[in-house]
Amino acid sequence: SIGPCGATIVTSDLYPGWKGNLLIGALALKHLARVQLNGTAYEGEEKLFQDKARFRNVAEGPDGYIYVITEGPGLLLKLLPAKN
């Protein structure tokens, strides 16, 4: 188990390639999991920030940006979309 802690579904237009994906914090395996979905069916997974910290929570703010809270070190991160 990744030790899931905190999850959100990306709905923001700021992350077009991620829209509809599930983001899950991983305490045990120390990463942020981006689970790619096709409707409700699993398509794949990407491990973000692997071995950087224990990810406590992830949420999409009212401004459309994704925010993540880590443990050890305790950080609040704002994920900025890639520029095309």
PDB file of N, CA and C in Angstrom:
ATOM      1  N   SER A   1       0.831  -1.177   0.000  1.00  0.00           N
ATOM      2  CA  SER A   1       0.000   0.000   0.000  1.00  0.00           C
ATOM      3  C   SER A   1       0.879   1.245   0.000  1.00  0.00           C
ATOM      4  N   ILE A   2       0.431   2.245  -0.708  1.00  0.00           N
ATOM      5  CA  ILE A   2       1.165   3.511  -0.733  1.00  0.00           C
ATOM      6  C   ILE A   2       0.961   4.310   0.551  1.00  0.00           C
ATOM      7  N   GLY A   3       0.046   3.862   1.405  1.00  0.00           N
ATOM      8  CA  GLY A   3      -0.301   4.631   2.600  1.00  0.00           C
ATOM      9  C   GLY A   3      -1.040   5.889   2.199  1.00  0.00           C
ATOM     10  N   PRO A   4      -2.204   5.754   1.528  1.00  0.00           N
ATOM     11  CA  PRO A   4      -2.901   6.920   0.996  1.00  0.00           C
ATOM     12  C   PRO A   4      -3.298   7.911   2.085  1.00  0.00           C
ATOM     13  N   CYS A   5      -3.155   9.180   1.765  1.00  0.00           N
ATOM     14  CA  CYS A   5      -3.510  10.240   2.706  1.00  0.00           C
ATOM     15  C   CYS A   5      -3.868  11.485   1.913  1.00  0.00           C
ATOM     16  N   GLY A   6      -5.129  11.781   1.810  1.00  0.00           N
ATOM     17  CA  GLY A   6      -5.579  12.939   1.058  1.00  0.00           C
ATOM     18  C   GLY A   6      -5.691  12.623  -0.420  1.00  0.00           C
ATOM     19  N   ALA A   7      -6.783  13.052  -1.027  1.00  0.00           N
ATOM     20  CA  ALA A   7      -7.001  12.803  -2.450  1.00  0.00           C
ATOM     21  C   ALA A   7      -7.932  13.869  -3.018  1.00  0.00           C
ATOM     22  N   THR A   8      -7.788  14.116  -4.307  1.00  0.00           N
ATOM     23  CA  THR A   8      -8.678  15.036  -5.004  1.00  0.00           C
ATOM     24  C   THR A   8      -8.757  14.644  -6.476  1.00  0.00           C
ATOM     25  N   ILE A   9      -9.835  15.008  -7.109  1.00  0.00           N
ATOM     26  CA  ILE A   9      -9.970  14.844  -8.557  1.00  0.00           C
ATOM     27  C   ILE A   9      -9.727  16.206  -9.189  1.00  0.00           C
ATOM     28  N   VAL A  10      -8.874  16.246 -10.191  1.00  0.00           N
ATOM     29  CA  VAL A  10      -8.540  17.507 -10.857  1.00  0.00           C
ATOM     30  C   VAL A  10      -9.711  17.920 -11.752  1.00  0.00           C
ATOM     31  N   THR A  11     -10.237  19.109 -11.492  1.00  0.00           N
ATOM     32  CA  THR A  11     -11.334  19.655 -12.302  1.00  0.00           C
ATOM     33  C   THR A  11     -10.938  20.956 -12.992  1.00  0.00           C
ATOM     34  N   SER A  12      -9.814  21.516 -12.583  1.00  0.00           N
ATOM     35  CA  SER A  12      -9.363  22.811 -13.086  1.00  0.00           C
ATOM     36  C   SER A  12      -8.922  22.742 -14.543  1.00  0.00           C
ATOM     37  N   ASP A  13      -9.196  23.813 -15.273  1.00  0.00           N
ATOM     38  CA  ASP A  13      -8.726  23.936 -16.651  1.00  0.00           C
ATOM     39  C   ASP A  13      -7.248  24.311 -16.723  1.00  0.00           C
ATOM     40  N   LEU A  14      -6.624  24.619 -15.571  1.00  0.00           N
ATOM     41  CA  LEU A  14      -5.207  24.975 -15.545  1.00  0.00           C
ATOM     42  C   LEU A  14      -4.307  23.784 -15.859  1.00  0.00           C
ATOM     43  N   TYR A  15      -4.810  22.572 -15.681  1.00  0.00           N
ATOM     44  CA  TYR A  15      -4.036  21.340 -15.889  1.00  0.00           C
ATOM     45  C   TYR A  15      -4.774  20.462 -16.911  1.00  0.00           C
ATOM     46  N   PRO A  16      -4.816  20.872 -18.181  1.00  0.00           N
ATOM     47  CA  PRO A  16      -5.647  20.164 -19.161  1.00  0.00           C
ATOM     48  C   PRO A  16      -5.301  18.684 -19.302  1.00  0.00           C
ATOM     49  N   GLY A  17      -4.049  18.316 -19.233  1.00  0.00           N
ATOM     50  CA  GLY A  17      -3.670  16.906 -19.338  1.00  0.00           C
ATOM     51  C   GLY A  17      -4.005  16.101 -18.104  1.00  0.00           C
ATOM     52  N   TRP A  18      -4.329  16.783 -17.029  1.00  0.00           N
ATOM     53  CA  TRP A  18      -4.639  16.112 -15.770  1.00  0.00           C
ATOM     54  C   TRP A  18      -6.125  16.139 -15.433  1.00  0.00           C
ATOM     55  N   LYS A  19      -6.910  16.882 -16.189  1.00  0.00           N
ATOM     56  CA  LYS A  19      -8.332  17.029 -15.875  1.00  0.00           C
ATOM     57  C   LYS A  19      -9.002  15.658 -15.805  1.00  0.00           C
ATOM     58  N   GLY A  20      -9.703  15.412 -14.699  1.00  0.00           N
ATOM     59  CA  GLY A  20     -10.368  14.128 -14.486  1.00  0.00           C
ATOM     60  C   GLY A  20      -9.490  13.091 -13.810  1.00  0.00           C
ATOM     61  N   ASN A  21      -8.209  13.411 -13.596  1.00  0.00           N
ATOM     62  CA  ASN A  21      -7.295  12.486 -12.914  1.00  0.00           C
ATOM     63  C   ASN A  21      -7.472  12.588 -11.402  1.00  0.00           C
ATOM     64  N   LEU A  22      -7.082  11.543 -10.714  1.00  0.00           N
ATOM     65  CA  LEU A  22      -7.129  11.484  -9.261  1.00  0.00           C
ATOM     66  C   LEU A  22      -5.721  11.695  -8.728  1.00  0.00           C
ATOM     67  N   LEU A  23      -5.560  12.617  -7.782  1.00  0.00           N
ATOM     68  CA  LEU A  23      -4.276  12.838  -7.124  1.00  0.00           C
ATOM     69  C   LEU A  23      -4.389  12.311  -5.697  1.00  0.00           C
ATOM     70  N   ILE A  24      -3.416  11.486  -5.301  1.00  0.00           N
ATOM     71  CA  ILE A  24      -3.442  10.856  -3.979  1.00  0.00           C
ATOM     72  C   ILE A  24      -2.088  11.039  -3.307  1.00  0.00           C
ATOM     73  N   GLY A  25      -2.094  11.543  -2.085  1.00  0.00           N
ATOM     74  CA  GLY A  25      -0.872  11.639  -1.303  1.00  0.00           C
ATOM     75  C   GLY A  25      -0.449  10.262  -0.820  1.00  0.00           C
ATOM     76  N   ALA A  26       0.854   9.994  -0.845  1.00  0.00           N
ATOM     77  CA  ALA A  26       1.387   8.706  -0.394  1.00  0.00           C
ATOM     78  C   ALA A  26       2.317   8.933   0.786  1.00  0.00           C
ATOM     79  N   LEU A  27       1.913   8.424   1.954  1.00  0.00           N
ATOM     80  CA  LEU A  27       2.750   8.543   3.143  1.00  0.00           C
ATOM     81  C   LEU A  27       3.865   7.509   3.126  1.00  0.00           C
ATOM     82  N   ALA A  28       3.526   6.260   2.878  1.00  0.00           N
ATOM     83  CA  ALA A  28       4.502   5.163   2.979  1.00  0.00           C
ATOM     84  C   ALA A  28       5.547   5.210   1.868  1.00  0.00           C
ATOM     85  N   LEU A  29       5.123   5.483   0.648  1.00  0.00           N
ATOM     86  CA  LEU A  29       6.052   5.437  -0.484  1.00  0.00           C
ATOM     87  C   LEU A  29       6.549   6.817  -0.898  1.00  0.00           C
ATOM     88  N   LYS A  30       6.164   7.841  -0.158  1.00  0.00           N
ATOM     89  CA  LYS A  30       6.694   9.193  -0.310  1.00  0.00           C
ATOM     90  C   LYS A  30       6.622   9.744  -1.737  1.00  0.00           C
ATOM     91  N   HIS A  31       5.399   9.883  -2.238  1.00  0.00           N
ATOM     92  CA  HIS A  31       5.202  10.541  -3.523  1.00  0.00           C
ATOM     93  C   HIS A  31       3.761  11.037  -3.633  1.00  0.00           C
ATOM     94  N   LEU A  32       3.492  11.766  -4.677  1.00  0.00           N
ATOM     95  CA  LEU A  32       2.140  12.166  -5.025  1.00  0.00           C
ATOM     96  C   LEU A  32       1.758  11.344  -6.245  1.00  0.00           C
ATOM     97  N   ALA A  33       0.720  10.545  -6.109  1.00  0.00           N
ATOM     98  CA  ALA A  33       0.291   9.672  -7.208  1.00  0.00           C
ATOM     99  C   ALA A  33      -0.738  10.395  -8.065  1.00  0.00           C
ATOM    100  N   ARG A  34      -0.490  10.399  -9.376  1.00  0.00           N
ATOM    101  CA  ARG A  34      -1.484  10.904 -10.330  1.00  0.00           C
ATOM    102  C   ARG A  34      -2.041   9.692 -11.053  1.00  0.00           C
ATOM    103  N   VAL A  35      -3.285   9.364 -10.737  1.00  0.00           N
ATOM    104  CA  VAL A  35      -3.936   8.199 -11.318  1.00  0.00           C
ATOM    105  C   VAL A  35      -4.768   8.669 -12.508  1.00  0.00           C
ATOM    106  N   GLN A  36      -4.408   8.177 -13.682  1.00  0.00           N
ATOM    107  CA  GLN A  36      -5.104   8.546 -14.909  1.00  0.00           C
ATOM    108  C   GLN A  36      -6.336   7.658 -15.043  1.00  0.00           C
ATOM    109  N   LEU A  37      -7.472   8.307 -15.218  1.00  0.00           N
ATOM    110  CA  LEU A  37      -8.746   7.598 -15.326  1.00  0.00           C
ATOM    111  C   LEU A  37      -9.389   7.855 -16.681  1.00  0.00           C
ATOM    112  N   ASN A  38     -10.122   6.867 -17.149  1.00  0.00           N
ATOM    113  CA  ASN A  38     -10.985   7.000 -18.322  1.00  0.00           C
ATOM    114  C   ASN A  38     -12.386   6.756 -17.789  1.00  0.00           C
ATOM    115  N   GLY A  39     -13.070   7.843 -17.444  1.00  0.00           N
ATOM    116  CA  GLY A  39     -14.330   7.702 -16.712  1.00  0.00           C
ATOM    117  C   GLY A  39     -14.004   7.216 -15.310  1.00  0.00           C
ATOM    118  N   THR A  40     -14.409   5.986 -15.000  1.00  0.00           N
ATOM    119  CA  THR A  40     -14.071   5.393 -13.700  1.00  0.00           C
ATOM    120  C   THR A  40     -13.055   4.267 -13.841  1.00  0.00           C
ATOM    121  N   ALA A  41     -12.557   4.032 -15.058  1.00  0.00           N
ATOM    122  CA  ALA A  41     -11.601   2.939 -15.306  1.00  0.00           C
ATOM    123  C   ALA A  41     -10.155   3.435 -15.181  1.00  0.00           C
ATOM    124  N   TYR A  42      -9.329   2.637 -14.523  1.00  0.00           N
ATOM    125  CA  TYR A  42      -7.909   2.931 -14.347  1.00  0.00           C
ATOM    126  C   TYR A  42      -7.183   2.813 -15.684  1.00  0.00           C
ATOM    127  N   GLU A  43      -6.355   3.825 -16.024  1.00  0.00           N
ATOM    128  CA  GLU A  43      -5.556   3.784 -17.253  1.00  0.00           C
ATOM    129  C   GLU A  43      -4.064   3.750 -16.977  1.00  0.00           C
ATOM    130  N   GLY A  44      -3.633   4.353 -15.885  1.00  0.00           N
ATOM    131  CA  GLY A  44      -2.212   4.388 -15.589  1.00  0.00           C
ATOM    132  C   GLY A  44      -1.943   5.253 -14.377  1.00  0.00           C
ATOM    133  N   GLU A  45      -0.659   5.316 -14.013  1.00  0.00           N
ATOM    134  CA  GLU A  45      -0.267   6.091 -12.841  1.00  0.00           C
ATOM    135  C   GLU A  45       1.100   6.717 -13.056  1.00  0.00           C
ATOM    136  N   GLU A  46       1.252   7.936 -12.557  1.00  0.00           N
ATOM    137  CA  GLU A  46       2.528   8.631 -12.567  1.00  0.00           C
ATOM    138  C   GLU A  46       2.873   8.987 -11.132  1.00  0.00           C
ATOM    139  N   LYS A  47       4.121   8.729 -10.739  1.00  0.00           N
ATOM    140  CA  LYS A  47       4.587   9.079  -9.401  1.00  0.00           C
ATOM    141  C   LYS A  47       5.308  10.412  -9.477  1.00  0.00           C
ATOM    142  N   LEU A  48       4.761  11.415  -8.807  1.00  0.00           N
ATOM    143  CA  LEU A  48       5.329  12.759  -8.806  1.00  0.00           C
ATOM    144  C   LEU A  48       6.088  12.990  -7.504  1.00  0.00           C
ATOM    145  N   PHE A  49       7.208  13.683  -7.580  1.00  0.00           N
ATOM    146  CA  PHE A  49       8.009  14.043  -6.406  1.00  0.00           C
ATOM    147  C   PHE A  49       8.435  12.814  -5.595  1.00  0.00           C
ATOM    148  N   GLN A  50       8.770  11.736  -6.279  1.00  0.00           N
ATOM    149  CA  GLN A  50       9.109  10.487  -5.602  1.00  0.00           C
ATOM    150  C   GLN A  50      10.277  10.666  -4.629  1.00  0.00           C
ATOM    151  N   ASP A  51      10.105  10.136  -3.424  1.00  0.00           N
ATOM    152  CA  ASP A  51      11.099  10.144  -2.344  1.00  0.00           C
ATOM    153  C   ASP A  51      11.448  11.547  -1.842  1.00  0.00           C
ATOM    154  N   LYS A  52      10.598  12.528  -2.084  1.00  0.00           N
ATOM    155  CA  LYS A  52      10.860  13.898  -1.623  1.00  0.00           C
ATOM    156  C   LYS A  52      10.300  14.146  -0.223  1.00  0.00           C
ATOM    157  N   ALA A  53       9.141  13.544   0.088  1.00  0.00           N
ATOM    158  CA  ALA A  53       8.495  13.782   1.378  1.00  0.00           C
ATOM    159  C   ALA A  53       7.306  12.838   1.520  1.00  0.00           C
ATOM    160  N   ARG A  54       6.740  12.820   2.724  1.00  0.00           N
ATOM    161  CA  ARG A  54       5.476  12.115   2.952  1.00  0.00           C
ATOM    162  C   ARG A  54       4.360  13.109   2.637  1.00  0.00           C
ATOM    163  N   PHE A  55       3.493  12.773   1.707  1.00  0.00           N
ATOM    164  CA  PHE A  55       2.455  13.692   1.259  1.00  0.00           C
ATOM    165  C   PHE A  55       1.192  13.485   2.084  1.00  0.00           C
ATOM    166  N   ARG A  56       0.828  14.510   2.854  1.00  0.00           N
ATOM    167  CA  ARG A  56      -0.273  14.457   3.813  1.00  0.00           C
ATOM    168  C   ARG A  56      -1.631  14.764   3.201  1.00  0.00           C
ATOM    169  N   ASN A  57      -1.682  15.759   2.324  1.00  0.00           N
ATOM    170  CA  ASN A  57      -2.967  16.140   1.757  1.00  0.00           C
ATOM    171  C   ASN A  57      -2.751  16.825   0.417  1.00  0.00           C
ATOM    172  N   VAL A  58      -3.760  16.739  -0.421  1.00  0.00           N
ATOM    173  CA  VAL A  58      -3.747  17.397  -1.725  1.00  0.00           C
ATOM    174  C   VAL A  58      -5.162  17.922  -1.977  1.00  0.00           C
ATOM    175  N   ALA A  59      -5.245  19.143  -2.494  1.00  0.00           N
ATOM    176  CA  ALA A  59      -6.554  19.748  -2.751  1.00  0.00           C
ATOM    177  C   ALA A  59      -6.439  20.745  -3.889  1.00  0.00           C
ATOM    178  N   GLU A  60      -7.566  20.942  -4.555  1.00  0.00           N
ATOM    179  CA  GLU A  60      -7.649  21.970  -5.584  1.00  0.00           C
ATOM    180  C   GLU A  60      -8.299  23.197  -4.949  1.00  0.00           C
ATOM    181  N   GLY A  61      -7.616  24.329  -5.006  1.00  0.00           N
ATOM    182  CA  GLY A  61      -8.116  25.549  -4.393  1.00  0.00           C
ATOM    183  C   GLY A  61      -9.167  26.231  -5.243  1.00  0.00           C
ATOM    184  N   PRO A  62      -9.868  27.198  -4.667  1.00  0.00           N
ATOM    185  CA  PRO A  62     -10.871  27.945  -5.421  1.00  0.00           C
ATOM    186  C   PRO A  62     -10.279  28.709  -6.602  1.00  0.00           C
ATOM    187  N   ASP A  63      -8.949  28.928  -6.569  1.00  0.00           N
ATOM    188  CA  ASP A  63      -8.275  29.602  -7.680  1.00  0.00           C
ATOM    189  C   ASP A  63      -7.920  28.642  -8.811  1.00  0.00           C
ATOM    190  N   GLY A  64      -8.227  27.341  -8.635  1.00  0.00           N
ATOM    191  CA  GLY A  64      -7.962  26.340  -9.665  1.00  0.00           C
ATOM    192  C   GLY A  64      -6.608  25.669  -9.555  1.00  0.00           C
ATOM    193  N   TYR A  65      -5.718  26.181  -8.693  1.00  0.00           N
ATOM    194  CA  TYR A  65      -4.397  25.573  -8.507  1.00  0.00           C
ATOM    195  C   TYR A  65      -4.480  24.392  -7.544  1.00  0.00           C
ATOM    196  N   ILE A  66      -3.534  23.487  -7.675  1.00  0.00           N
ATOM    197  CA  ILE A  66      -3.449  22.323  -6.796  1.00  0.00           C
ATOM    198  C   ILE A  66      -2.433  22.625  -5.702  1.00  0.00           C
ATOM    199  N   TYR A  67      -2.824  22.344  -4.466  1.00  0.00           N
ATOM    200  CA  TYR A  67      -1.976  22.563  -3.300  1.00  0.00           C
ATOM    201  C   TYR A  67      -1.730  21.236  -2.597  1.00  0.00           C
ATOM    202  N   VAL A  68      -0.497  21.068  -2.106  1.00  0.00           N
ATOM    203  CA  VAL A  68      -0.096  19.828  -1.444  1.00  0.00           C
ATOM    204  C   VAL A  68       0.578  20.176  -0.120  1.00  0.00           C
ATOM    205  N   ILE A  69       0.286  19.402   0.910  1.00  0.00           N
ATOM    206  CA  ILE A  69       0.950  19.556   2.202  1.00  0.00           C
ATOM    207  C   ILE A  69       1.800  18.314   2.452  1.00  0.00           C
ATOM    208  N   THR A  70       3.063  18.544   2.828  1.00  0.00           N
ATOM    209  CA  THR A  70       3.974  17.436   3.105  1.00  0.00           C
ATOM    210  C   THR A  70       4.311  17.375   4.590  1.00  0.00           C
ATOM    211  N   GLU A  71       4.824  16.215   4.961  1.00  0.00           N
ATOM    212  CA  GLU A  71       5.315  15.989   6.317  1.00  0.00           C
ATOM    213  C   GLU A  71       6.773  15.595   6.191  1.00  0.00           C
ATOM    214  N   GLY A  72       7.625  16.217   6.953  1.00  0.00           N
ATOM    215  CA  GLY A  72       9.051  15.878   6.949  1.00  0.00           C
ATOM    216  C   GLY A  72       9.735  16.088   5.609  1.00  0.00           C
ATOM    217  N   PRO A  73       9.968  17.278   5.150  1.00  0.00           N
ATOM    218  CA  PRO A  73       9.731  18.551   5.820  1.00  0.00           C
ATOM    219  C   PRO A  73       8.287  19.011   5.636  1.00  0.00           C
ATOM    220  N   GLY A  74       7.806  19.797   6.577  1.00  0.00           N
ATOM    221  CA  GLY A  74       6.447  20.311   6.487  1.00  0.00           C
ATOM    222  C   GLY A  74       6.376  21.487   5.534  1.00  0.00           C
ATOM    223  N   LEU A  75       5.833  21.248   4.363  1.00  0.00           N
ATOM    224  CA  LEU A  75       5.751  22.291   3.334  1.00  0.00           C
ATOM    225  C   LEU A  75       4.334  22.382   2.782  1.00  0.00           C
ATOM    226  N   LEU A  76       3.968  23.571   2.346  1.00  0.00           N
ATOM    227  CA  LEU A  76       2.759  23.778   1.557  1.00  0.00           C
ATOM    228  C   LEU A  76       3.240  24.125   0.161  1.00  0.00           C
ATOM    229  N   LEU A  77       2.901  23.275  -0.807  1.00  0.00           N
ATOM    230  CA  LEU A  77       3.353  23.460  -2.188  1.00  0.00           C
ATOM    231  C   LEU A  77       2.182  23.833  -3.086  1.00  0.00           C
ATOM    232  N   LYS A  78       2.432  24.756  -3.990  1.00  0.00           N
ATOM    233  CA  LYS A  78       1.465  25.121  -5.030  1.00  0.00           C
ATOM    234  C   LYS A  78       2.020  24.575  -6.328  1.00  0.00           C
ATOM    235  N   LEU A  79       1.278  23.681  -6.976  1.00  0.00           N
ATOM    236  CA  LEU A  79       1.743  23.091  -8.227  1.00  0.00           C
ATOM    237  C   LEU A  79       1.391  24.028  -9.384  1.00  0.00           C
ATOM    238  N   LEU A  80       2.420  24.432 -10.111  1.00  0.00           N
ATOM    239  CA  LEU A  80       2.217  25.310 -11.252  1.00  0.00           C
ATOM    240  C   LEU A  80       2.188  24.478 -12.527  1.00  0.00           C
ATOM    241  N   PRO A  81       1.191  24.700 -13.379  1.00  0.00           N
ATOM    242  CA  PRO A  81       1.111  23.934 -14.623  1.00  0.00           C
ATOM    243  C   PRO A  81       2.277  24.246 -15.550  1.00  0.00           C
ATOM    244  N   ALA A  82       2.648  23.253 -16.334  1.00  0.00           N
ATOM    245  CA  ALA A  82       3.717  23.453 -17.322  1.00  0.00           C
ATOM    246  C   ALA A  82       3.264  24.453 -18.370  1.00  0.00           C
ATOM    247  N   LYS A  83       4.193  25.293 -18.802  1.00  0.00           N
ATOM    248  CA  LYS A  83       3.883  26.243 -19.871  1.00  0.00           C
ATOM    249  C   LYS A  83       4.092  25.553 -21.201  1.00  0.00           C
ATOM    250  N   ASN A  84       3.134  25.733 -22.095  1.00  0.00           N
ATOM    251  CA  ASN A  84       3.227  25.119 -23.427  1.00  0.00           C
ATOM    252  C   ASN A  84       3.898  26.045 -24.395  1.00  0.00           C
TER     253      ASN A  84
END
